[in-house]
Amino acid sequence: MSQKLVHNRIMIRLNVHEAKTHLSRYLTMVEQGEVILLCRRNVPIAEIRGIPRRTEPRPFGLAKGKFELTEAFFEPLPDDILDAFEGKE
């Protein structure tokens, strides 16, 4: 494992093999706020960082009451529309 200074912070720099071998260890570090620079043969290819945790549960039914599904929604699509989805002419 090597480290690199980025924006006044140490960024962990890993090759893919090291990341695969010790993935759980590095994911724990990401959860604690570390950022990982993932490399293939020492060439950076991705940056792995944690996502912010929600402090409150996600609201349920965001669009509840804003629209109504009619029975037609559950009907099969017309053949011309199905053909378009499948790339047929």
PDB file of N, CA and C in Angstrom:
ATOM      1  N   MET A   1       0.862  -1.176   0.000  1.00  0.00           N
ATOM      2  CA  MET A   1       0.000   0.000   0.000  1.00  0.00           C
ATOM      3  C   MET A   1       0.900   1.228   0.000  1.00  0.00           C
ATOM      4  N   SER A   2       0.640   2.126  -0.926  1.00  0.00           N
ATOM      5  CA  SER A   2       1.360   3.386  -0.919  1.00  0.00           C
ATOM      6  C   SER A   2       0.365   4.507  -0.668  1.00  0.00           C
ATOM      7  N   GLN A   3       0.875   5.674  -0.298  1.00  0.00           N
ATOM      8  CA  GLN A   3      -0.007   6.793  -0.009  1.00  0.00           C
ATOM      9  C   GLN A   3       0.446   8.009  -0.784  1.00  0.00           C
ATOM     10  N   LYS A   4      -0.479   8.897  -1.057  1.00  0.00           N
ATOM     11  CA  LYS A   4      -0.205  10.087  -1.851  1.00  0.00           C
ATOM     12  C   LYS A   4      -0.899  11.267  -1.177  1.00  0.00           C
ATOM     13  N   LEU A   5      -0.219  12.409  -1.118  1.00  0.00           N
ATOM     14  CA  LEU A   5      -0.803  13.602  -0.522  1.00  0.00           C
ATOM     15  C   LEU A   5      -1.703  14.284  -1.545  1.00  0.00           C
ATOM     16  N   VAL A   6      -2.959  14.458  -1.215  1.00  0.00           N
ATOM     17  CA  VAL A   6      -3.921  15.106  -2.107  1.00  0.00           C
ATOM     18  C   VAL A   6      -4.739  16.080  -1.278  1.00  0.00           C
ATOM     19  N   HIS A   7      -4.724  17.346  -1.652  1.00  0.00           N
ATOM     20  CA  HIS A   7      -5.493  18.370  -0.950  1.00  0.00           C
ATOM     21  C   HIS A   7      -5.257  18.318   0.551  1.00  0.00           C
ATOM     22  N   ASN A   8      -4.009  18.284   0.953  1.00  0.00           N
ATOM     23  CA  ASN A   8      -3.622  18.258   2.366  1.00  0.00           C
ATOM     24  C   ASN A   8      -4.153  17.039   3.099  1.00  0.00           C
ATOM     25  N   ARG A   9      -4.341  15.957   2.387  1.00  0.00           N
ATOM     26  CA  ARG A   9      -4.856  14.748   2.996  1.00  0.00           C
ATOM     27  C   ARG A   9      -4.162  13.549   2.356  1.00  0.00           C
ATOM     28  N   ILE A  10      -3.906  12.534   3.124  1.00  0.00           N
ATOM     29  CA  ILE A  10      -3.286  11.332   2.583  1.00  0.00           C
ATOM     30  C   ILE A  10      -4.363  10.496   1.892  1.00  0.00           C
ATOM     31  N   MET A  11      -4.106  10.146   0.635  1.00  0.00           N
ATOM     32  CA  MET A  11      -5.023   9.291  -0.102  1.00  0.00           C
ATOM     33  C   MET A  11      -4.342   7.931  -0.249  1.00  0.00           C
ATOM     34  N   ILE A  12      -5.058   6.886   0.037  1.00  0.00           N
ATOM     35  CA  ILE A  12      -4.509   5.548  -0.093  1.00  0.00           C
ATOM     36  C   ILE A  12      -4.484   5.186  -1.574  1.00  0.00           C
ATOM     37  N   ARG A  13      -3.353   4.700  -2.035  1.00  0.00           N
ATOM     38  CA  ARG A  13      -3.187   4.332  -3.434  1.00  0.00           C
ATOM     39  C   ARG A  13      -2.953   2.822  -3.495  1.00  0.00           C
ATOM     40  N   LEU A  14      -3.828   2.110  -4.205  1.00  0.00           N
ATOM     41  CA  LEU A  14      -3.762   0.650  -4.262  1.00  0.00           C
ATOM     42  C   LEU A  14      -3.807   0.154  -5.689  1.00  0.00           C
ATOM     43  N   ASN A  15      -3.084  -0.918  -5.946  1.00  0.00           N
ATOM     44  CA  ASN A  15      -3.270  -1.632  -7.198  1.00  0.00           C
ATOM     45  C   ASN A  15      -4.431  -2.598  -7.030  1.00  0.00           C
ATOM     46  N   VAL A  16      -5.030  -2.988  -8.130  1.00  0.00           N
ATOM     47  CA  VAL A  16      -6.232  -3.820  -8.117  1.00  0.00           C
ATOM     48  C   VAL A  16      -6.015  -5.098  -7.317  1.00  0.00           C
ATOM     49  N   HIS A  17      -4.891  -5.758  -7.503  1.00  0.00           N
ATOM     50  CA  HIS A  17      -4.641  -7.019  -6.785  1.00  0.00           C
ATOM     51  C   HIS A  17      -4.701  -6.824  -5.266  1.00  0.00           C
ATOM     52  N   GLU A  18      -4.049  -5.773  -4.776  1.00  0.00           N
ATOM     53  CA  GLU A  18      -4.057  -5.486  -3.333  1.00  0.00           C
ATOM     54  C   GLU A  18      -5.477  -5.194  -2.851  1.00  0.00           C
ATOM     55  N   ALA A  19      -6.227  -4.432  -3.638  1.00  0.00           N
ATOM     56  CA  ALA A  19      -7.600  -4.097  -3.257  1.00  0.00           C
ATOM     57  C   ALA A  19      -8.465  -5.352  -3.191  1.00  0.00           C
ATOM     58  N   LYS A  20      -8.321  -6.240  -4.169  1.00  0.00           N
ATOM     59  CA  LYS A  20      -9.121  -7.470  -4.173  1.00  0.00           C
ATOM     60  C   LYS A  20      -8.742  -8.371  -3.004  1.00  0.00           C
ATOM     61  N   THR A  21      -7.456  -8.431  -2.701  1.00  0.00           N
ATOM     62  CA  THR A  21      -6.977  -9.311  -1.636  1.00  0.00           C
ATOM     63  C   THR A  21      -7.485  -8.877  -0.264  1.00  0.00           C
ATOM     64  N   HIS A  22      -7.586  -7.571  -0.038  1.00  0.00           N
ATOM     65  CA  HIS A  22      -7.951  -7.042   1.283  1.00  0.00           C
ATOM     66  C   HIS A  22      -9.149  -6.097   1.200  1.00  0.00           C
ATOM     67  N   LEU A  23     -10.127  -6.434   0.362  1.00  0.00           N
ATOM     68  CA  LEU A  23     -11.256  -5.538   0.113  1.00  0.00           C
ATOM     69  C   LEU A  23     -11.977  -5.130   1.391  1.00  0.00           C
ATOM     70  N   SER A  24     -12.283  -6.054   2.263  1.00  0.00           N
ATOM     71  CA  SER A  24     -13.017  -5.725   3.497  1.00  0.00           C
ATOM     72  C   SER A  24     -12.271  -4.692   4.330  1.00  0.00           C
ATOM     73  N   ARG A  25     -10.974  -4.855   4.448  1.00  0.00           N
ATOM     74  CA  ARG A  25     -10.153  -3.915   5.226  1.00  0.00           C
ATOM     75  C   ARG A  25     -10.263  -2.510   4.637  1.00  0.00           C
ATOM     76  N   TYR A  26     -10.159  -2.408   3.315  1.00  0.00           N
ATOM     77  CA  TYR A  26     -10.190  -1.087   2.683  1.00  0.00           C
ATOM     78  C   TYR A  26     -11.584  -0.473   2.694  1.00  0.00           C
ATOM     79  N   LEU A  27     -12.614  -1.295   2.598  1.00  0.00           N
ATOM     80  CA  LEU A  27     -13.976  -0.757   2.687  1.00  0.00           C
ATOM     81  C   LEU A  27     -14.235  -0.176   4.072  1.00  0.00           C
ATOM     82  N   THR A  28     -13.696  -0.808   5.090  1.00  0.00           N
ATOM     83  CA  THR A  28     -13.817  -0.267   6.450  1.00  0.00           C
ATOM     84  C   THR A  28     -13.147   1.099   6.531  1.00  0.00           C
ATOM     85  N   MET A  29     -12.007   1.233   5.892  1.00  0.00           N
ATOM     86  CA  MET A  29     -11.307   2.516   5.904  1.00  0.00           C
ATOM     87  C   MET A  29     -12.102   3.579   5.143  1.00  0.00           C
ATOM     88  N   VAL A  30     -12.722   3.186   4.041  1.00  0.00           N
ATOM     89  CA  VAL A  30     -13.563   4.118   3.274  1.00  0.00           C
ATOM     90  C   VAL A  30     -14.738   4.577   4.133  1.00  0.00           C
ATOM     91  N   GLU A  31     -15.348   3.650   4.865  1.00  0.00           N
ATOM     92  CA  GLU A  31     -16.467   4.012   5.750  1.00  0.00           C
ATOM     93  C   GLU A  31     -16.025   5.022   6.814  1.00  0.00           C
ATOM     94  N   GLN A  32     -14.760   4.991   7.167  1.00  0.00           N
ATOM     95  CA  GLN A  32     -14.232   5.911   8.187  1.00  0.00           C
ATOM     96  C   GLN A  32     -13.757   7.231   7.583  1.00  0.00           C
ATOM     97  N   GLY A  33     -13.983   7.415   6.277  1.00  0.00           N
ATOM     98  CA  GLY A  33     -13.666   8.694   5.654  1.00  0.00           C
ATOM     99  C   GLY A  33     -12.442   8.709   4.758  1.00  0.00           C
ATOM    100  N   GLU A  34     -11.726   7.610   4.673  1.00  0.00           N
ATOM    101  CA  GLU A  34     -10.554   7.559   3.796  1.00  0.00           C
ATOM    102  C   GLU A  34     -10.991   7.537   2.335  1.00  0.00           C
ATOM    103  N   VAL A  35     -10.110   7.977   1.459  1.00  0.00           N
ATOM    104  CA  VAL A  35     -10.342   7.940   0.013  1.00  0.00           C
ATOM    105  C   VAL A  35      -9.260   7.050  -0.580  1.00  0.00           C
ATOM    106  N   ILE A  36      -9.655   6.166  -1.494  1.00  0.00           N
ATOM    107  CA  ILE A  36      -8.711   5.237  -2.106  1.00  0.00           C
ATOM    108  C   ILE A  36      -8.588   5.552  -3.586  1.00  0.00           C
ATOM    109  N   LEU A  37      -7.358   5.627  -4.063  1.00  0.00           N
ATOM    110  CA  LEU A  37      -7.080   5.778  -5.476  1.00  0.00           C
ATOM    111  C   LEU A  37      -6.729   4.385  -5.989  1.00  0.00           C
ATOM    112  N   LEU A  38      -7.591   3.834  -6.826  1.00  0.00           N
ATOM    113  CA  LEU A  38      -7.412   2.480  -7.340  1.00  0.00           C
ATOM    114  C   LEU A  38      -6.621   2.546  -8.642  1.00  0.00           C
ATOM    115  N   CYS A  39      -5.576   1.720  -8.724  1.00  0.00           N
ATOM    116  CA  CYS A  39      -4.681   1.761  -9.882  1.00  0.00           C
ATOM    117  C   CYS A  39      -4.586   0.390 -10.544  1.00  0.00           C
ATOM    118  N   ARG A  40      -4.298   0.426 -11.829  1.00  0.00           N
ATOM    119  CA  ARG A  40      -3.964  -0.799 -12.564  1.00  0.00           C
ATOM    120  C   ARG A  40      -2.536  -0.596 -13.049  1.00  0.00           C
ATOM    121  N   ARG A  41      -1.631  -1.433 -12.573  1.00  0.00           N
ATOM    122  CA  ARG A  41      -0.203  -1.307 -12.878  1.00  0.00           C
ATOM    123  C   ARG A  41       0.300   0.110 -12.570  1.00  0.00           C
ATOM    124  N   ASN A  42      -0.089   0.603 -11.413  1.00  0.00           N
ATOM    125  CA  ASN A  42       0.318   1.915 -10.895  1.00  0.00           C
ATOM    126  C   ASN A  42      -0.232   3.103 -11.671  1.00  0.00           C
ATOM    127  N   VAL A  43      -1.206   2.856 -12.561  1.00  0.00           N
ATOM    128  CA  VAL A  43      -1.855   3.937 -13.298  1.00  0.00           C
ATOM    129  C   VAL A  43      -3.248   4.123 -12.713  1.00  0.00           C
ATOM    130  N   PRO A  44      -3.571   5.296 -12.158  1.00  0.00           N
ATOM    131  CA  PRO A  44      -4.882   5.511 -11.536  1.00  0.00           C
ATOM    132  C   PRO A  44      -6.031   5.278 -12.521  1.00  0.00           C
ATOM    133  N   ILE A  45      -7.046   4.532 -12.046  1.00  0.00           N
ATOM    134  CA  ILE A  45      -8.226   4.274 -12.881  1.00  0.00           C
ATOM    135  C   ILE A  45      -9.526   4.656 -12.181  1.00  0.00           C
ATOM    136  N   ALA A  46      -9.515   4.765 -10.870  1.00  0.00           N
ATOM    137  CA  ALA A  46     -10.755   5.091 -10.157  1.00  0.00           C
ATOM    138  C   ALA A  46     -10.429   5.622  -8.773  1.00  0.00           C
ATOM    139  N   GLU A  47     -11.395   6.353  -8.241  1.00  0.00           N
ATOM    140  CA  GLU A  47     -11.284   6.849  -6.880  1.00  0.00           C
ATOM    141  C   GLU A  47     -12.470   6.278  -6.108  1.00  0.00           C
ATOM    142  N   ILE A  48     -12.186   5.703  -4.968  1.00  0.00           N
ATOM    143  CA  ILE A  48     -13.244   5.110  -4.141  1.00  0.00           C
ATOM    144  C   ILE A  48     -13.385   5.964  -2.898  1.00  0.00           C
ATOM    145  N   ARG A  49     -14.586   6.469  -2.684  1.00  0.00           N
ATOM    146  CA  ARG A  49     -14.857   7.284  -1.498  1.00  0.00           C
ATOM    147  C   ARG A  49     -16.220   6.884  -0.954  1.00  0.00           C
ATOM    148  N   GLY A  50     -16.425   7.115   0.311  1.00  0.00           N
ATOM    149  CA  GLY A  50     -17.698   6.805   0.946  1.00  0.00           C
ATOM    150  C   GLY A  50     -18.784   7.776   0.510  1.00  0.00           C
ATOM    151  N   ILE A  51     -19.998   7.375   0.739  1.00  0.00           N
ATOM    152  CA  ILE A  51     -21.121   8.266   0.474  1.00  0.00           C
ATOM    153  C   ILE A  51     -21.679   8.726   1.814  1.00  0.00           C
ATOM    154  N   PRO A  52     -22.264   9.918   1.865  1.00  0.00           N
ATOM    155  CA  PRO A  52     -22.780  10.419   3.140  1.00  0.00           C
ATOM    156  C   PRO A  52     -23.889   9.508   3.671  1.00  0.00           C
ATOM    157  N   ARG A  53     -23.854   9.298   4.945  1.00  0.00           N
ATOM    158  CA  ARG A  53     -24.912   8.497   5.580  1.00  0.00           C
ATOM    159  C   ARG A  53     -26.128   9.371   5.817  1.00  0.00           C
ATOM    160  N   ARG A  54     -27.285   8.772   5.656  1.00  0.00           N
ATOM    161  CA  ARG A  54     -28.529   9.501   5.931  1.00  0.00           C
ATOM    162  C   ARG A  54     -28.708   9.629   7.437  1.00  0.00           C
ATOM    163  N   THR A  55     -29.131  10.799   7.850  1.00  0.00           N
ATOM    164  CA  THR A  55     -29.376  10.994   9.277  1.00  0.00           C
ATOM    165  C   THR A  55     -30.819  10.665   9.627  1.00  0.00           C
ATOM    166  N   GLU A  56     -31.666  10.658   8.622  1.00  0.00           N
ATOM    167  CA  GLU A  56     -33.062  10.276   8.846  1.00  0.00           C
ATOM    168  C   GLU A  56     -33.481   9.328   7.730  1.00  0.00           C
ATOM    169  N   PRO A  57     -34.462   8.505   7.982  1.00  0.00           N
ATOM    170  CA  PRO A  57     -34.863   7.536   6.970  1.00  0.00           C
ATOM    171  C   PRO A  57     -35.375   8.219   5.702  1.00  0.00           C
ATOM    172  N   ARG A  58     -35.164   7.543   4.606  1.00  0.00           N
ATOM    173  CA  ARG A  58     -35.629   8.051   3.326  1.00  0.00           C
ATOM    174  C   ARG A  58     -37.153   8.044   3.309  1.00  0.00           C
ATOM    175  N   PRO A  59     -37.767   9.130   2.822  1.00  0.00           N
ATOM    176  CA  PRO A  59     -39.231   9.167   2.821  1.00  0.00           C
ATOM    177  C   PRO A  59     -39.816   8.089   1.915  1.00  0.00           C
ATOM    178  N   PHE A  60     -40.910   7.537   2.340  1.00  0.00           N
ATOM    179  CA  PHE A  60     -41.587   6.484   1.589  1.00  0.00           C
ATOM    180  C   PHE A  60     -42.678   7.109   0.741  1.00  0.00           C
ATOM    181  N   GLY A  61     -42.771   6.691  -0.496  1.00  0.00           N
ATOM    182  CA  GLY A  61     -43.839   7.174  -1.354  1.00  0.00           C
ATOM    183  C   GLY A  61     -43.663   8.613  -1.771  1.00  0.00           C
ATOM    184  N   LEU A  62     -42.509   8.938  -2.332  1.00  0.00           N
ATOM    185  CA  LEU A  62     -42.221  10.328  -2.702  1.00  0.00           C
ATOM    186  C   LEU A  62     -43.274  10.928  -3.632  1.00  0.00           C
ATOM    187  N   ALA A  63     -43.815  10.122  -4.551  1.00  0.00           N
ATOM    188  CA  ALA A  63     -44.772  10.648  -5.522  1.00  0.00           C
ATOM    189  C   ALA A  63     -46.208  10.232  -5.186  1.00  0.00           C
ATOM    190  N   LYS A  64     -46.416   9.771  -3.977  1.00  0.00           N
ATOM    191  CA  LYS A  64     -47.744   9.301  -3.587  1.00  0.00           C
ATOM    192  C   LYS A  64     -48.774  10.414  -3.760  1.00  0.00           C
ATOM    193  N   GLY A  65     -49.847  10.091  -4.465  1.00  0.00           N
ATOM    194  CA  GLY A  65     -50.922  11.041  -4.677  1.00  0.00           C
ATOM    195  C   GLY A  65     -50.695  11.987  -5.850  1.00  0.00           C
ATOM    196  N   LYS A  66     -49.541  11.919  -6.511  1.00  0.00           N
ATOM    197  CA  LYS A  66     -49.259  12.823  -7.622  1.00  0.00           C
ATOM    198  C   LYS A  66     -49.724  12.262  -8.955  1.00  0.00           C
ATOM    199  N   PHE A  67     -49.941  10.966  -9.030  1.00  0.00           N
ATOM    200  CA  PHE A  67     -50.453  10.374 -10.262  1.00  0.00           C
ATOM    201  C   PHE A  67     -51.208   9.098  -9.909  1.00  0.00           C
ATOM    202  N   GLU A  68     -51.937   8.622 -10.878  1.00  0.00           N
ATOM    203  CA  GLU A  68     -52.752   7.422 -10.652  1.00  0.00           C
ATOM    204  C   GLU A  68     -52.507   6.450 -11.804  1.00  0.00           C
ATOM    205  N   LEU A  69     -52.319   5.195 -11.465  1.00  0.00           N
ATOM    206  CA  LEU A  69     -52.166   4.169 -12.482  1.00  0.00           C
ATOM    207  C   LEU A  69     -53.545   3.602 -12.818  1.00  0.00           C
ATOM    208  N   THR A  70     -53.877   3.643 -14.085  1.00  0.00           N
ATOM    209  CA  THR A  70     -55.139   3.043 -14.524  1.00  0.00           C
ATOM    210  C   THR A  70     -54.868   1.592 -14.899  1.00  0.00           C
ATOM    211  N   GLU A  71     -55.910   0.841 -15.165  1.00  0.00           N
ATOM    212  CA  GLU A  71     -55.758  -0.553 -15.572  1.00  0.00           C
ATOM    213  C   GLU A  71     -54.991  -0.664 -16.888  1.00  0.00           C
ATOM    214  N   ALA A  72     -55.065   0.368 -17.745  1.00  0.00           N
ATOM    215  CA  ALA A  72     -54.377   0.338 -19.027  1.00  0.00           C
ATOM    216  C   ALA A  72     -52.860   0.221 -18.850  1.00  0.00           C
ATOM    217  N   PHE A  73     -52.355   0.696 -17.731  1.00  0.00           N
ATOM    218  CA  PHE A  73     -50.925   0.606 -17.461  1.00  0.00           C
ATOM    219  C   PHE A  73     -50.446  -0.841 -17.477  1.00  0.00           C
ATOM    220  N   PHE A  74     -51.294  -1.754 -17.047  1.00  0.00           N
ATOM    221  CA  PHE A  74     -50.917  -3.145 -16.922  1.00  0.00           C
ATOM    222  C   PHE A  74     -51.186  -3.963 -18.187  1.00  0.00           C
ATOM    223  N   GLU A  75     -51.749  -3.331 -19.201  1.00  0.00           N
ATOM    224  CA  GLU A  75     -52.031  -4.013 -20.470  1.00  0.00           C
ATOM    225  C   GLU A  75     -50.729  -4.200 -21.251  1.00  0.00           C
ATOM    226  N   PRO A  76     -50.649  -5.253 -22.069  1.00  0.00           N
ATOM    227  CA  PRO A  76     -49.449  -5.443 -22.895  1.00  0.00           C
ATOM    228  C   PRO A  76     -49.268  -4.263 -23.853  1.00  0.00           C
ATOM    229  N   LEU A  77     -48.020  -3.958 -24.170  1.00  0.00           N
ATOM    230  CA  LEU A  77     -47.718  -2.880 -25.113  1.00  0.00           C
ATOM    231  C   LEU A  77     -48.062  -3.318 -26.535  1.00  0.00           C
ATOM    232  N   PRO A  78     -48.409  -2.382 -27.396  1.00  0.00           N
ATOM    233  CA  PRO A  78     -48.669  -2.718 -28.796  1.00  0.00           C
ATOM    234  C   PRO A  78     -47.405  -3.283 -29.460  1.00  0.00           C
ATOM    235  N   ASP A  79     -47.602  -4.110 -30.481  1.00  0.00           N
ATOM    236  CA  ASP A  79     -46.480  -4.772 -31.147  1.00  0.00           C
ATOM    237  C   ASP A  79     -45.458  -3.792 -31.702  1.00  0.00           C
ATOM    238  N   ASP A  80     -45.904  -2.647 -32.272  1.00  0.00           N
ATOM    239  CA  ASP A  80     -44.952  -1.701 -32.848  1.00  0.00           C
ATOM    240  C   ASP A  80     -44.030  -1.102 -31.777  1.00  0.00           C
ATOM    241  N   ILE A  81     -44.538  -0.888 -30.585  1.00  0.00           N
ATOM    242  CA  ILE A  81     -43.704  -0.363 -29.498  1.00  0.00           C
ATOM    243  C   ILE A  81     -42.750  -1.443 -28.996  1.00  0.00           C
ATOM    244  N   LEU A  82     -43.243  -2.680 -28.867  1.00  0.00           N
ATOM    245  CA  LEU A  82     -42.362  -3.781 -28.463  1.00  0.00           C
ATOM    246  C   LEU A  82     -41.248  -3.979 -29.480  1.00  0.00           C
ATOM    247  N   ASP A  83     -41.587  -3.904 -30.764  1.00  0.00           N
ATOM    248  CA  ASP A  83     -40.579  -4.045 -31.816  1.00  0.00           C
ATOM    249  C   ASP A  83     -39.525  -2.944 -31.713  1.00  0.00           C
ATOM    250  N   ALA A  84     -39.932  -1.737 -31.397  1.00  0.00           N
ATOM    251  CA  ALA A  84     -38.985  -0.626 -31.253  1.00  0.00           C
ATOM    252  C   ALA A  84     -38.022  -0.879 -30.091  1.00  0.00           C
ATOM    253  N   PHE A  85     -38.520  -1.424 -28.995  1.00  0.00           N
ATOM    254  CA  PHE A  85     -37.650  -1.746 -27.861  1.00  0.00           C
ATOM    255  C   PHE A  85     -36.647  -2.819 -28.229  1.00  0.00           C
ATOM    256  N   GLU A  86     -37.065  -3.739 -29.083  1.00  0.00           N
ATOM    257  CA  GLU A  86     -36.185  -4.852 -29.476  1.00  0.00           C
ATOM    258  C   GLU A  86     -35.342  -4.522 -30.693  1.00  0.00           C
ATOM    259  N   GLY A  87     -35.430  -3.300 -31.217  1.00  0.00           N
ATOM    260  CA  GLY A  87     -34.617  -2.894 -32.349  1.00  0.00           C
ATOM    261  C   GLY A  87     -35.101  -3.425 -33.681  1.00  0.00           C
ATOM    262  N   LYS A  88     -36.326  -3.869 -33.747  1.00  0.00           N
ATOM    263  CA  LYS A  88     -36.893  -4.368 -34.992  1.00  0.00           C
ATOM    264  C   LYS A  88     -37.525  -3.208 -35.754  1.00  0.00           C
ATOM    265  N   GLU A  89     -37.607  -3.364 -37.059  1.00  0.00           N
ATOM    266  CA  GLU A  89     -38.227  -2.284 -37.871  1.00  0.00           C
ATOM    267  C   GLU A  89     -39.677  -2.561 -38.144  1.00  0.00           C
TER     268      GLU A  89
END
